Amino acid sequence: GSYTRVSKAIARLRARPDAMPLFAGVLAVIDPRTDPAAVYASLKAAGA
């Protein structure tokens, strides 16, 4: 799995005030078996 490595990349980007204006968004592919509210909360927590 790549979640930990991707999360570190997002944290690295967010840690730099000079880079944060570039952070346009996160892109997620839906697994319809999951809880959409939990996915929404996780994506929002990415800070994009």
All heavy atoms as atom14 arrays in JSON, in Angstrom:
{
  "sequence": "GSYTRVSKAIARLRARPDAMPLFAGVLAVIDPRTDPAAVYASLKAAGA",
  "atom14_mask": [
    [1, 1, 1, 1, 0, 0, 0, 0, 0, 0, 0, 0, 0, 0],
    [1, 1, 1, 1, 1, 1, 0, 0, 0, 0, 0, 0, 0, 0],
    [1, 1, 1, 1, 1, 1, 1, 1, 1, 1, 1, 1, 0, 0],
    [1, 1, 1, 1, 1, 1, 1, 0, 0, 0, 0, 0, 0, 0],
    [1, 1, 1, 1, 1, 1, 1, 1, 1, 1, 1, 0, 0, 0],
    [1, 1, 1, 1, 1, 1, 1, 0, 0, 0, 0, 0, 0, 0],
    [1, 1, 1, 1, 1, 1, 0, 0, 0, 0, 0, 0, 0, 0],
    [1, 1, 1, 1, 1, 1, 1, 1, 1, 0, 0, 0, 0, 0],
    [1, 1, 1, 1, 1, 0, 0, 0, 0, 0, 0, 0, 0, 0],
    [1, 1, 1, 1, 1, 1, 1, 1, 0, 0, 0, 0, 0, 0],
    [1, 1, 1, 1, 1, 0, 0, 0, 0, 0, 0, 0, 0, 0],
    [1, 1, 1, 1, 1, 1, 1, 1, 1, 1, 1, 0, 0, 0],
    [1, 1, 1, 1, 1, 1, 1, 1, 0, 0, 0, 0, 0, 0],
    [1, 1, 1, 1, 1, 1, 1, 1, 1, 1, 1, 0, 0, 0],
    [1, 1, 1, 1, 1, 0, 0, 0, 0, 0, 0, 0, 0, 0],
    [1, 1, 1, 1, 1, 1, 1, 1, 1, 1, 1, 0, 0, 0],
    [1, 1, 1, 1, 1, 1, 1, 0, 0, 0, 0, 0, 0, 0],
    [1, 1, 1, 1, 1, 1, 1, 1, 0, 0, 0, 0, 0, 0],
    [1, 1, 1, 1, 1, 0, 0, 0, 0, 0, 0, 0, 0, 0],
    [1, 1, 1, 1, 1, 1, 1, 1, 0, 0, 0, 0, 0, 0],
    [1, 1, 1, 1, 1, 1, 1, 0, 0, 0, 0, 0, 0, 0],
    [1, 1, 1, 1, 1, 1, 1, 1, 0, 0, 0, 0, 0, 0],
    [1, 1, 1, 1, 1, 1, 1, 1, 1, 1, 1, 0, 0, 0],
    [1, 1, 1, 1, 1, 0, 0, 0, 0, 0, 0, 0, 0, 0],
    [1, 1, 1, 1, 0, 0, 0, 0, 0, 0, 0, 0, 0, 0],
    [1, 1, 1, 1, 1, 1, 1, 0, 0, 0, 0, 0, 0, 0],
    [1, 1, 1, 1, 1, 1, 1, 1, 0, 0, 0, 0, 0, 0],
    [1, 1, 1, 1, 1, 0, 0, 0, 0, 0, 0, 0, 0, 0],
    [1, 1, 1, 1, 1, 1, 1, 0, 0, 0, 0, 0, 0, 0],
    [1, 1, 1, 1, 1, 1, 1, 1, 0, 0, 0, 0, 0, 0],
    [1, 1, 1, 1, 1, 1, 1, 1, 0, 0, 0, 0, 0, 0],
    [1, 1, 1, 1, 1, 1, 1, 0, 0, 0, 0, 0, 0, 0],
    [1, 1, 1, 1, 1, 1, 1, 1, 1, 1, 1, 0, 0, 0],
    [1, 1, 1, 1, 1, 1, 1, 0, 0, 0, 0, 0, 0, 0],
    [1, 1, 1, 1, 1, 1, 1, 1, 0, 0, 0, 0, 0, 0],
    [1, 1, 1, 1, 1, 1, 1, 0, 0, 0, 0, 0, 0, 0],
    [1, 1, 1, 1, 1, 0, 0, 0, 0, 0, 0, 0, 0, 0],
    [1, 1, 1, 1, 1, 0, 0, 0, 0, 0, 0, 0, 0, 0],
    [1, 1, 1, 1, 1, 1, 1, 0, 0, 0, 0, 0, 0, 0],
    [1, 1, 1, 1, 1, 1, 1, 1, 1, 1, 1, 1, 0, 0],
    [1, 1, 1, 1, 1, 0, 0, 0, 0, 0, 0, 0, 0, 0],
    [1, 1, 1, 1, 1, 1, 0, 0, 0, 0, 0, 0, 0, 0],
    [1, 1, 1, 1, 1, 1, 1, 1, 0, 0, 0, 0, 0, 0],
    [1, 1, 1, 1, 1, 1, 1, 1, 1, 0, 0, 0, 0, 0],
    [1, 1, 1, 1, 1, 0, 0, 0, 0, 0, 0, 0, 0, 0],
    [1, 1, 1, 1, 1, 0, 0, 0, 0, 0, 0, 0, 0, 0],
    [1, 1, 1, 1, 0, 0, 0, 0, 0, 0, 0, 0, 0, 0],
    [1, 1, 1, 1, 1, 0, 0, 0, 0, 0, 0, 0, 0, 0]
  ],
  "atom14_positions": [
    [[0.81, -1.2, 0.0], [0.0, 0.0, 0.0], [0.85, 1.26, 0.0], [2.0, 1.26, 0.45], [0.0, 0.0, 0.0], [0.0, 0.0, 0.0], [0.0, 0.0, 0.0], [0.0, 0.0, 0.0], [0.0, 0.0, 0.0], [0.0, 0.0, 0.0], [0.0, 0.0, 0.0], [0.0, 0.0, 0.0], [0.0, 0.0, 0.0], [0.0, 0.0, 0.0]],
    [[0.28, 2.35, -0.49], [1.05, 3.59, -0.63], [0.52, 4.73, 0.25], [1.03, 5.85, 0.17], [1.04, 4.04, -2.1], [-0.29, 4.24, -2.56], [0.0, 0.0, 0.0], [0.0, 0.0, 0.0], [0.0, 0.0, 0.0], [0.0, 0.0, 0.0], [0.0, 0.0, 0.0], [0.0, 0.0, 0.0], [0.0, 0.0, 0.0], [0.0, 0.0, 0.0]],
    [[-0.46, 4.46, 1.09], [-1.11, 5.54, 1.83], [-0.11, 6.33, 2.68], [-0.12, 7.57, 2.68], [-2.21, 4.98, 2.72], [-2.88, 6.05, 3.57], [-3.9, 6.83, 3.05], [-2.49, 6.27, 4.9], [-4.52, 7.81, 3.81], [-3.1, 7.25, 5.66], [-4.11, 8.02, 5.11], [-4.7, 9.0, 5.86], [0.0, 0.0, 0.0], [0.0, 0.0, 0.0]],
    [[0.74, 5.65, 3.41], [1.68, 6.35, 4.3], [2.6, 7.26, 3.5], [2.84, 8.42, 3.89], [2.5, 5.35, 5.12], [1.61, 4.56, 5.92], [3.49, 6.05, 6.02], [0.0, 0.0, 0.0], [0.0, 0.0, 0.0], [0.0, 0.0, 0.0], [0.0, 0.0, 0.0], [0.0, 0.0, 0.0], [0.0, 0.0, 0.0], [0.0, 0.0, 0.0]],
    [[3.09, 6.78, 2.38], [4.0, 7.58, 1.56], [3.28, 8.78, 0.93], [3.84, 9.88, 0.87], [4.64, 6.71, 0.48], [5.72, 5.75, 1.03], [6.18, 4.75, -0.02], [5.2, 3.67, -0.21], [5.32, 2.74, -1.14], [6.36, 2.76, -1.98], [4.42, 1.78, -1.24], [0.0, 0.0, 0.0], [0.0, 0.0, 0.0], [0.0, 0.0, 0.0]],
    [[2.06, 8.58, 0.48], [1.3, 9.69, -0.09], [0.99, 10.73, 0.99], [1.1, 11.94, 0.77], [0.01, 9.19, -0.75], [-0.83, 10.35, -1.25], [0.33, 8.24, -1.9], [0.0, 0.0, 0.0], [0.0, 0.0, 0.0], [0.0, 0.0, 0.0], [0.0, 0.0, 0.0], [0.0, 0.0, 0.0], [0.0, 0.0, 0.0], [0.0, 0.0, 0.0]],
    [[0.61, 10.28, 2.17], [0.31, 11.2, 3.27], [1.53, 12.03, 3.64], [1.41, 13.23, 3.94], [-0.17, 10.41, 4.49], [-1.38, 9.75, 4.21], [0.0, 0.0, 0.0], [0.0, 0.0, 0.0], [0.0, 0.0, 0.0], [0.0, 0.0, 0.0], [0.0, 0.0, 0.0], [0.0, 0.0, 0.0], [0.0, 0.0, 0.0], [0.0, 0.0, 0.0]],
    [[2.71, 11.42, 3.59], [3.94, 12.18, 3.88], [4.18, 13.25, 2.82], [4.65, 14.35, 3.12], [5.12, 11.23, 3.97], [5.15, 10.38, 5.24], [6.36, 9.46, 5.27], [6.39, 8.64, 6.56], [7.55, 7.7, 6.58], [0.0, 0.0, 0.0], [0.0, 0.0, 0.0], [0.0, 0.0, 0.0], [0.0, 0.0, 0.0], [0.0, 0.0, 0.0]],
    [[3.87, 12.93, 1.57], [4.04, 13.92, 0.5], [3.1, 15.1, 0.7], [3.51, 16.26, 0.54], [3.78, 13.26, -0.85], [0.0, 0.0, 0.0], [0.0, 0.0, 0.0], [0.0, 0.0, 0.0], [0.0, 0.0, 0.0], [0.0, 0.0, 0.0], [0.0, 0.0, 0.0], [0.0, 0.0, 0.0], [0.0, 0.0, 0.0], [0.0, 0.0, 0.0]],
    [[1.87, 14.81, 1.07], [0.91, 15.9, 1.33], [1.39, 16.74, 2.51], [1.33, 17.98, 2.47], [-0.49, 15.31, 1.58], [-1.03, 14.69, 0.3], [-1.44, 16.39, 2.11], [-2.34, 13.95, 0.48], [0.0, 0.0, 0.0], [0.0, 0.0, 0.0], [0.0, 0.0, 0.0], [0.0, 0.0, 0.0], [0.0, 0.0, 0.0], [0.0, 0.0, 0.0]],
    [[1.87, 16.08, 3.55], [2.38, 16.82, 4.72], [3.58, 17.68, 4.34], [3.72, 18.82, 4.83], [2.75, 15.84, 5.82], [0.0, 0.0, 0.0], [0.0, 0.0, 0.0], [0.0, 0.0, 0.0], [0.0, 0.0, 0.0], [0.0, 0.0, 0.0], [0.0, 0.0, 0.0], [0.0, 0.0, 0.0], [0.0, 0.0, 0.0], [0.0, 0.0, 0.0]],
    [[4.44, 17.17, 3.48], [5.62, 17.94, 3.04], [5.18, 19.19, 2.29], [5.74, 20.28, 2.49], [6.5, 17.07, 2.15], [7.79, 17.76, 1.67], [8.66, 16.81, 0.88], [9.13, 15.72, 1.71], [8.78, 14.44, 1.57], [7.94, 14.09, 0.59], [9.25, 13.52, 2.37], [0.0, 0.0, 0.0], [0.0, 0.0, 0.0], [0.0, 0.0, 0.0]],
    [[4.19, 19.05, 1.43], [3.69, 20.2, 0.68], [3.04, 21.21, 1.62], [3.29, 22.42, 1.53], [2.68, 19.7, -0.36], [2.25, 20.65, -1.46], [3.43, 21.0, -2.37], [1.13, 20.04, -2.29], [0.0, 0.0, 0.0], [0.0, 0.0, 0.0], [0.0, 0.0, 0.0], [0.0, 0.0, 0.0], [0.0, 0.0, 0.0], [0.0, 0.0, 0.0]],
    [[2.24, 20.73, 2.55], [1.52, 21.62, 3.46], [2.46, 22.3, 4.46], [2.12, 23.37, 4.99], [0.45, 20.84, 4.22], [-0.68, 20.33, 3.35], [-1.74, 19.63, 4.18], [-2.38, 20.54, 5.14], [-3.24, 20.16, 6.06], [-3.57, 18.88, 6.17], [-3.79, 21.03, 6.88], [0.0, 0.0, 0.0], [0.0, 0.0, 0.0], [0.0, 0.0, 0.0]],
    [[3.62, 21.71, 4.7], [4.55, 22.28, 5.67], [5.26, 23.52, 5.13], [5.9, 24.23, 5.9], [5.58, 21.23, 6.08], [0.0, 0.0, 0.0], [0.0, 0.0, 0.0], [0.0, 0.0, 0.0], [0.0, 0.0, 0.0], [0.0, 0.0, 0.0], [0.0, 0.0, 0.0], [0.0, 0.0, 0.0], [0.0, 0.0, 0.0], [0.0, 0.0, 0.0]],
    [[5.14, 23.74, 3.84], [5.86, 24.87, 3.23], [4.88, 25.97, 2.85], [4.08, 25.82, 1.92], [6.61, 24.38, 2.0], [7.73, 23.43, 2.34], [8.56, 23.07, 1.13], [9.04, 24.25, 0.41], [9.98, 24.21, -0.53], [10.53, 23.04, -0.86], [10.37, 25.3, -1.15], [0.0, 0.0, 0.0], [0.0, 0.0, 0.0], [0.0, 0.0, 0.0]],
    [[4.92, 27.1, 3.55], [4.02, 28.21, 3.21], [4.17, 28.68, 1.77], [3.19, 29.12, 1.15], [4.43, 29.31, 4.2], [5.05, 28.57, 5.35], [5.75, 27.39, 4.74], [0.0, 0.0, 0.0], [0.0, 0.0, 0.0], [0.0, 0.0, 0.0], [0.0, 0.0, 0.0], [0.0, 0.0, 0.0], [0.0, 0.0, 0.0], [0.0, 0.0, 0.0]],
    [[5.39, 28.55, 1.21], [5.59, 29.0, -0.16], [4.98, 28.03, -1.17], [4.76, 28.39, -2.33], [7.08, 29.19, -0.47], [7.92, 27.95, -0.2], [7.42, 27.0, 0.46], [9.08, 27.92, -0.62], [0.0, 0.0, 0.0], [0.0, 0.0, 0.0], [0.0, 0.0, 0.0], [0.0, 0.0, 0.0], [0.0, 0.0, 0.0], [0.0, 0.0, 0.0]],
    [[4.66, 26.81, -0.75], [4.09, 25.81, -1.65], [2.59, 25.67, -1.52], [1.92, 25.21, -2.46], [4.75, 24.45, -1.41], [0.0, 0.0, 0.0], [0.0, 0.0, 0.0], [0.0, 0.0, 0.0], [0.0, 0.0, 0.0], [0.0, 0.0, 0.0], [0.0, 0.0, 0.0], [0.0, 0.0, 0.0], [0.0, 0.0, 0.0], [0.0, 0.0, 0.0]],
    [[2.05, 26.04, -0.38], [0.63, 25.82, -0.16], [-0.28, 26.47, -1.22], [-1.31, 25.9, -1.58], [0.22, 26.29, 1.24], [0.35, 25.21, 2.3], [-0.61, 23.71, 1.88], [-2.3, 24.32, 2.01], [0.0, 0.0, 0.0], [0.0, 0.0, 0.0], [0.0, 0.0, 0.0], [0.0, 0.0, 0.0], [0.0, 0.0, 0.0], [0.0, 0.0, 0.0]],
    [[0.07, 27.66, -1.75], [-0.79, 28.21, -2.81], [-0.87, 27.32, -4.05], [-1.8, 27.48, -4.85], [-0.12, 29.56, -3.13], [0.6, 29.93, -1.89], [1.11, 28.63, -1.33], [0.0, 0.0, 0.0], [0.0, 0.0, 0.0], [0.0, 0.0, 0.0], [0.0, 0.0, 0.0], [0.0, 0.0, 0.0], [0.0, 0.0, 0.0], [0.0, 0.0, 0.0]],
    [[0.08, 26.41, -4.22], [0.07, 25.51, -5.37], [-0.83, 24.29, -5.17], [-1.17, 23.61, -6.14], [1.49, 25.01, -5.67], [2.57, 26.05, -5.91], [3.91, 25.36, -6.15], [2.21, 26.94, -7.1], [0.0, 0.0, 0.0], [0.0, 0.0, 0.0], [0.0, 0.0, 0.0], [0.0, 0.0, 0.0], [0.0, 0.0, 0.0], [0.0, 0.0, 0.0]],
    [[-1.17, 23.99, -3.94], [-1.91, 22.77, -3.63], [-3.35, 22.94, -4.1], [-4.19, 23.52, -3.42], [-1.85, 22.5, -2.13], [-2.3, 21.12, -1.72], [-2.5, 20.1, -2.64], [-2.51, 20.83, -0.37], [-2.91, 18.84, -2.25], [-2.91, 19.56, 0.03], [-3.12, 18.57, -0.91], [0.0, 0.0, 0.0], [0.0, 0.0, 0.0], [0.0, 0.0, 0.0]],
    [[-3.63, 22.41, -5.28], [-4.93, 22.64, -5.91], [-6.0, 21.69, -5.42], [-7.17, 22.06, -5.29], [-4.8, 22.53, -7.43], [0.0, 0.0, 0.0], [0.0, 0.0, 0.0], [0.0, 0.0, 0.0], [0.0, 0.0, 0.0], [0.0, 0.0, 0.0], [0.0, 0.0, 0.0], [0.0, 0.0, 0.0], [0.0, 0.0, 0.0], [0.0, 0.0, 0.0]],
    [[-5.63, 20.41, -5.17], [-6.65, 19.48, -4.76], [-6.16, 18.07, -4.6], [-4.99, 17.76, -4.87], [0.0, 0.0, 0.0], [0.0, 0.0, 0.0], [0.0, 0.0, 0.0], [0.0, 0.0, 0.0], [0.0, 0.0, 0.0], [0.0, 0.0, 0.0], [0.0, 0.0, 0.0], [0.0, 0.0, 0.0], [0.0, 0.0, 0.0], [0.0, 0.0, 0.0]],
    [[-7.07, 17.22, -4.15], [-6.82, 15.79, -4.08], [-7.84, 15.09, -4.98], [-8.96, 15.57, -5.16], [-6.89, 15.23, -2.64], [-5.72, 15.74, -1.82], [-8.22, 15.59, -1.97], [0.0, 0.0, 0.0], [0.0, 0.0, 0.0], [0.0, 0.0, 0.0], [0.0, 0.0, 0.0], [0.0, 0.0, 0.0], [0.0, 0.0, 0.0], [0.0, 0.0, 0.0]],
    [[-7.42, 13.97, -5.54], [-8.25, 13.22, -6.47], [-8.45, 11.81, -5.93], [-7.47, 11.11, -5.61], [-7.55, 13.16, -7.83], [-8.2, 12.28, -8.91], [-9.56, 12.86, -9.31], [-7.29, 12.17, -10.12], [0.0, 0.0, 0.0], [0.0, 0.0, 0.0], [0.0, 0.0, 0.0], [0.0, 0.0, 0.0], [0.0, 0.0, 0.0], [0.0, 0.0, 0.0]],
    [[-9.7, 11.4, -5.81], [-10.03, 10.09, -5.26], [-10.89, 9.3, -6.23], [-11.79, 9.85, -6.87], [-10.76, 10.25, -3.92], [0.0, 0.0, 0.0], [0.0, 0.0, 0.0], [0.0, 0.0, 0.0], [0.0, 0.0, 0.0], [0.0, 0.0, 0.0], [0.0, 0.0, 0.0], [0.0, 0.0, 0.0], [0.0, 0.0, 0.0], [0.0, 0.0, 0.0]],
    [[-10.61, 8.01, -6.31], [-11.43, 7.1, -7.1], [-12.35, 6.35, -6.14], [-11.9, 5.82, -5.12], [-10.56, 6.13, -7.91], [-11.42, 5.13, -8.67], [-9.67, 6.91, -8.88], [0.0, 0.0, 0.0], [0.0, 0.0, 0.0], [0.0, 0.0, 0.0], [0.0, 0.0, 0.0], [0.0, 0.0, 0.0], [0.0, 0.0, 0.0], [0.0, 0.0, 0.0]],
    [[-13.63, 6.29, -6.47], [-14.65, 5.78, -5.55], [-14.63, 4.26, -5.45], [-14.57, 3.56, -6.46], [-16.04, 6.24, -6.01], [-16.18, 7.76, -5.92], [-17.15, 5.57, -5.2], [-17.42, 8.3, -6.6], [0.0, 0.0, 0.0], [0.0, 0.0, 0.0], [0.0, 0.0, 0.0], [0.0, 0.0, 0.0], [0.0, 0.0, 0.0], [0.0, 0.0, 0.0]],
    [[-14.7, 3.77, -4.22], [-15.05, 2.38, -3.95], [-16.45, 2.44, -3.35], [-16.62, 2.89, -2.21], [-14.06, 1.76, -2.97], [-14.41, 0.32, -2.62], [-15.52, -0.13, -2.96], [-13.58, -0.36, -1.97], [0.0, 0.0, 0.0], [0.0, 0.0, 0.0], [0.0, 0.0, 0.0], [0.0, 0.0, 0.0], [0.0, 0.0, 0.0], [0.0, 0.0, 0.0]],
    [[-17.48, 2.01, -4.09], [-18.86, 2.2, -3.61], [-19.21, 1.38, -2.38], [-20.3, 1.56, -1.81], [-19.71, 1.79, -4.82], [-18.85, 0.84, -5.57], [-17.45, 1.34, -5.39], [0.0, 0.0, 0.0], [0.0, 0.0, 0.0], [0.0, 0.0, 0.0], [0.0, 0.0, 0.0], [0.0, 0.0, 0.0], [0.0, 0.0, 0.0], [0.0, 0.0, 0.0]],
    [[-18.31, 0.5, -1.91], [-18.56, -0.29, -0.71], [-18.19, 0.46, 0.55], [-18.51, 0.01, 1.66], [-17.78, -1.6, -0.78], [-18.03, -2.43, -2.05], [-17.01, -3.54, -2.18], [-15.65, -3.01, -2.16], [-14.54, -3.76, -2.15], [-14.64, -5.08, -2.17], [-13.35, -3.2, -2.13], [0.0, 0.0, 0.0], [0.0, 0.0, 0.0], [0.0, 0.0, 0.0]],
    [[-17.5, 1.59, 0.41], [-17.01, 2.32, 1.58], [-18.05, 3.29, 2.11], [-19.08, 3.54, 1.48], [-15.73, 3.09, 1.21], [-16.02, 4.01, 0.13], [-14.62, 2.15, 0.78], [0.0, 0.0, 0.0], [0.0, 0.0, 0.0], [0.0, 0.0, 0.0], [0.0, 0.0, 0.0], [0.0, 0.0, 0.0], [0.0, 0.0, 0.0], [0.0, 0.0, 0.0]],
    [[-17.75, 3.87, 3.27], [-18.6, 4.88, 3.89], [-18.24, 6.24, 3.29], [-17.13, 6.74, 3.51], [-18.37, 4.88, 5.39], [-19.15, 5.97, 6.13], [-19.9, 6.73, 5.46], [-18.99, 6.07, 7.35], [0.0, 0.0, 0.0], [0.0, 0.0, 0.0], [0.0, 0.0, 0.0], [0.0, 0.0, 0.0], [0.0, 0.0, 0.0], [0.0, 0.0, 0.0]],
    [[-19.13, 6.87, 2.53], [-18.77, 8.14, 1.89], [-18.46, 9.24, 2.88], [-17.63, 10.11, 2.6], [-20.0, 8.47, 1.04], [-21.12, 7.66, 1.62], [-20.49, 6.42, 2.16], [0.0, 0.0, 0.0], [0.0, 0.0, 0.0], [0.0, 0.0, 0.0], [0.0, 0.0, 0.0], [0.0, 0.0, 0.0], [0.0, 0.0, 0.0], [0.0, 0.0, 0.0]],
    [[-19.11, 9.24, 4.04], [-18.82, 10.28, 5.03], [-17.4, 10.14, 5.56], [-16.7, 11.15, 5.77], [-19.82, 10.2, 6.18], [0.0, 0.0, 0.0], [0.0, 0.0, 0.0], [0.0, 0.0, 0.0], [0.0, 0.0, 0.0], [0.0, 0.0, 0.0], [0.0, 0.0, 0.0], [0.0, 0.0, 0.0], [0.0, 0.0, 0.0], [0.0, 0.0, 0.0]],
    [[-16.94, 8.9, 5.76], [-15.57, 8.68, 6.24], [-14.56, 9.07, 5.17], [-13.51, 9.65, 5.47], [-15.38, 7.22, 6.64], [0.0, 0.0, 0.0], [0.0, 0.0, 0.0], [0.0, 0.0, 0.0], [0.0, 0.0, 0.0], [0.0, 0.0, 0.0], [0.0, 0.0, 0.0], [0.0, 0.0, 0.0], [0.0, 0.0, 0.0], [0.0, 0.0, 0.0]],
    [[-14.86, 8.76, 3.92], [-13.97, 9.15, 2.82], [-13.91, 10.66, 2.72], [-12.83, 11.25, 2.57], [-14.43, 8.5, 1.5], [-13.64, 9.07, 0.32], [-14.27, 6.99, 1.55], [0.0, 0.0, 0.0], [0.0, 0.0, 0.0], [0.0, 0.0, 0.0], [0.0, 0.0, 0.0], [0.0, 0.0, 0.0], [0.0, 0.0, 0.0], [0.0, 0.0, 0.0]],
    [[-15.07, 11.31, 2.8], [-15.11, 12.78, 2.74], [-14.26, 13.39, 3.85], [-13.45, 14.31, 3.6], [-16.54, 13.27, 2.85], [-16.65, 14.78, 2.93], [-16.57, 15.56, 1.78], [-16.81, 15.43, 4.16], [-16.64, 16.95, 1.86], [-16.89, 16.81, 4.24], [-16.81, 17.56, 3.08], [-16.87, 18.94, 3.16], [0.0, 0.0, 0.0], [0.0, 0.0, 0.0]],
    [[-14.41, 12.89, 5.07], [-13.64, 13.43, 6.2], [-12.15, 13.25, 5.98], [-11.35, 14.16, 6.27], [-14.08, 12.75, 7.5], [0.0, 0.0, 0.0], [0.0, 0.0, 0.0], [0.0, 0.0, 0.0], [0.0, 0.0, 0.0], [0.0, 0.0, 0.0], [0.0, 0.0, 0.0], [0.0, 0.0, 0.0], [0.0, 0.0, 0.0], [0.0, 0.0, 0.0]],
    [[-11.75, 12.11, 5.44], [-10.34, 11.85, 5.19], [-9.79, 12.78, 4.1], [-8.69, 13.33, 4.23], [-10.15, 10.39, 4.77], [-8.8, 10.13, 4.46], [0.0, 0.0, 0.0], [0.0, 0.0, 0.0], [0.0, 0.0, 0.0], [0.0, 0.0, 0.0], [0.0, 0.0, 0.0], [0.0, 0.0, 0.0], [0.0, 0.0, 0.0], [0.0, 0.0, 0.0]],
    [[-10.54, 12.96, 3.04], [-10.09, 13.83, 1.95], [-10.02, 15.28, 2.41], [-9.08, 16.01, 2.07], [-11.0, 13.69, 0.75], [-11.03, 12.3, 0.09], [-12.04, 12.27, -1.04], [-9.65, 11.9, -0.42], [0.0, 0.0, 0.0], [0.0, 0.0, 0.0], [0.0, 0.0, 0.0], [0.0, 0.0, 0.0], [0.0, 0.0, 0.0], [0.0, 0.0, 0.0]],
    [[-10.99, 15.71, 3.19], [-10.95, 17.08, 3.71], [-9.73, 17.28, 4.6], [-9.09, 18.33, 4.57], [-12.23, 17.4, 4.49], [-12.21, 18.82, 5.06], [-13.43, 19.15, 5.89], [-13.29, 20.54, 6.48], [-14.45, 20.93, 7.29], [0.0, 0.0, 0.0], [0.0, 0.0, 0.0], [0.0, 0.0, 0.0], [0.0, 0.0, 0.0], [0.0, 0.0, 0.0]],
    [[-9.39, 16.25, 5.38], [-8.25, 16.35, 6.3], [-6.93, 16.53, 5.57], [-5.94, 16.96, 6.16], [-8.19, 15.12, 7.19], [0.0, 0.0, 0.0], [0.0, 0.0, 0.0], [0.0, 0.0, 0.0], [0.0, 0.0, 0.0], [0.0, 0.0, 0.0], [0.0, 0.0, 0.0], [0.0, 0.0, 0.0], [0.0, 0.0, 0.0], [0.0, 0.0, 0.0]],
    [[-6.91, 16.2, 4.26], [-5.68, 16.4, 3.49], [-5.34, 17.88, 3.36], [-4.19, 18.23, 3.05], [-5.82, 15.77, 2.1], [0.0, 0.0, 0.0], [0.0, 0.0, 0.0], [0.0, 0.0, 0.0], [0.0, 0.0, 0.0], [0.0, 0.0, 0.0], [0.0, 0.0, 0.0], [0.0, 0.0, 0.0], [0.0, 0.0, 0.0], [0.0, 0.0, 0.0]],
    [[-6.31, 18.75, 3.56], [-6.03, 20.18, 3.61], [-6.02, 20.88, 2.27], [-5.59, 22.04, 2.18], [0.0, 0.0, 0.0], [0.0, 0.0, 0.0], [0.0, 0.0, 0.0], [0.0, 0.0, 0.0], [0.0, 0.0, 0.0], [0.0, 0.0, 0.0], [0.0, 0.0, 0.0], [0.0, 0.0, 0.0], [0.0, 0.0, 0.0], [0.0, 0.0, 0.0]],
    [[-6.48, 20.22, 1.21], [-6.52, 20.86, -0.09], [-7.78, 21.68, -0.24], [-8.81, 21.36, 0.35], [-6.47, 19.8, -1.2], [0.0, 0.0, 0.0], [0.0, 0.0, 0.0], [0.0, 0.0, 0.0], [0.0, 0.0, 0.0], [0.0, 0.0, 0.0], [0.0, 0.0, 0.0], [0.0, 0.0, 0.0], [0.0, 0.0, 0.0], [0.0, 0.0, 0.0]]
  ]
}
